[in-house]
Amino acid sequence: MFVVTVTYTAPLDEVDRWRPAHGDWLNQLISRQLLLVAGRQVPLVGGVYLAPRMPTEELDRLLATDPYVLNGVATHSVVEFTPLLVAAGLEDLKSQE
């Protein structure tokens, strides 16, 4: 599983220009369960995604299609982790290793 942090590299008015396309991109990935959670950081300096287990190269390819990245207004940072403890109802997220 992966935690992805998004960091804006441009002023918010430039980021906002690409927000609709970015939202559509997120909705498509979430509908396909290629992302599980997406939200804004507080304060608004970027975002955070939770992505399921997949080959790292696949995640890199997906993130490279983010309109924010394509338009040079944000970068991604990825941390891979193995979920061992999960809350009730989230057992499907637990590592099977």
Protein backbone atom coordinates (compact mmCIF):
# COMPACT_ATOMS: atom_id res chain seq x y z
CA MET A 1 0.00 0.00 0.00
CA PHE A 2 1.14 3.56 -0.61
CA VAL A 3 0.70 6.97 0.93
CA VAL A 4 1.17 9.64 -1.70
CA THR A 5 1.64 13.27 -0.73
CA VAL A 6 1.06 16.01 -3.24
CA THR A 7 2.94 19.28 -2.83
CA TYR A 8 1.94 22.36 -4.79
CA THR A 9 4.87 23.97 -6.56
CA ALA A 10 2.93 26.94 -7.90
CA PRO A 11 0.66 29.59 -6.38
CA LEU A 12 -2.92 28.46 -5.63
CA ASP A 13 -4.39 30.54 -8.46
CA GLU A 14 -2.29 28.49 -10.92
CA VAL A 15 -3.19 25.22 -9.16
CA ASP A 16 -6.90 26.17 -9.23
CA ARG A 17 -6.73 26.47 -13.03
CA TRP A 18 -6.14 22.70 -13.21
CA ARG A 19 -8.39 21.65 -10.29
CA PRO A 20 -11.38 20.50 -12.44
CA ALA A 21 -9.17 18.24 -14.61
CA HIS A 22 -7.38 16.98 -11.49
CA GLY A 23 -10.74 16.19 -9.84
CA ASP A 24 -11.89 14.25 -12.90
CA TRP A 25 -8.58 12.33 -12.86
CA LEU A 26 -9.03 11.47 -9.17
CA ASN A 27 -12.63 10.37 -9.66
CA GLN A 28 -11.62 8.05 -12.52
CA LEU A 29 -8.86 6.43 -10.46
CA ILE A 30 -11.08 6.05 -7.39
CA SER A 31 -13.89 4.51 -9.47
CA ARG A 32 -11.35 1.91 -10.68
CA GLN A 33 -10.00 1.48 -7.12
CA LEU A 34 -6.53 2.52 -8.25
CA LEU A 35 -6.75 5.13 -5.49
CA LEU A 36 -8.69 4.41 -2.31
CA VAL A 37 -8.74 7.83 -0.64
CA ALA A 38 -7.90 11.35 -1.80
CA GLY A 39 -8.07 14.63 0.07
CA ARG A 40 -6.55 18.02 0.72
CA GLN A 41 -3.80 18.75 3.20
CA VAL A 42 -4.59 21.23 5.97
CA PRO A 43 -3.40 23.91 5.48
CA LEU A 44 -3.93 23.73 1.71
CA VAL A 45 -0.39 23.11 0.48
CA GLY A 46 -1.23 19.94 -1.45
CA GLY A 47 -3.06 16.66 -1.00
CA VAL A 48 -2.79 13.08 0.20
CA TYR A 49 -3.81 9.83 -1.50
CA LEU A 50 -3.97 6.27 -0.28
CA ALA A 51 -3.22 3.77 -3.06
CA PRO A 52 -3.60 -0.01 -2.92
CA ARG A 53 -0.80 -2.46 -3.36
CA MET A 54 0.44 -2.56 -6.97
CA PRO A 55 3.79 -2.62 -8.71
CA THR A 56 5.66 0.62 -7.97
CA GLU A 57 6.14 1.21 -11.70
CA GLU A 58 2.37 1.10 -12.23
CA LEU A 59 1.80 3.69 -9.51
CA ASP A 60 4.52 5.88 -11.01
CA ARG A 61 2.83 5.68 -14.42
CA LEU A 62 -0.56 6.61 -12.90
CA LEU A 63 0.84 9.56 -10.96
CA ALA A 64 2.62 10.85 -14.05
CA THR A 65 -0.81 11.37 -15.67
CA ASP A 66 -2.01 13.76 -12.93
CA PRO A 67 -3.00 17.06 -14.59
CA TYR A 68 -1.22 18.89 -11.75
CA VAL A 69 2.03 17.13 -12.64
CA LEU A 70 1.51 17.44 -16.40
CA ASN A 71 1.06 21.19 -15.98
CA GLY A 72 3.95 21.67 -13.56
CA VAL A 73 1.97 22.86 -10.52
CA ALA A 74 2.61 19.94 -8.14
CA THR A 75 4.90 17.04 -7.32
CA HIS A 76 4.26 13.67 -5.67
CA SER A 77 6.12 11.87 -2.91
CA VAL A 78 5.43 8.17 -2.33
CA VAL A 79 5.84 6.06 0.80
CA GLU A 80 5.18 2.33 0.54
CA PHE A 81 4.06 0.53 3.68
CA THR A 82 2.66 -2.80 4.80
CA PRO A 83 -0.62 -2.46 6.73
CA LEU A 84 -0.53 -4.90 9.65
CA LEU A 85 -3.19 -3.43 11.96
CA VAL A 86 -6.48 -2.11 10.64
CA ALA A 87 -9.76 -0.88 12.11
CA ALA A 88 -12.84 -3.10 12.00
CA GLY A 89 -14.35 -3.06 8.54
CA LEU A 90 -11.03 -2.37 6.82
CA GLU A 91 -9.65 -5.89 6.93
CA ASP A 92 -9.29 -5.99 3.13
CA LEU A 93 -6.49 -3.42 3.47
CA LYS A 94 -4.42 -5.67 5.71
CA SER A 95 -1.35 -7.23 4.13
CA GLN A 96 -1.67 -10.87 3.18
CA GLU A 97 2.11 -11.39 3.37
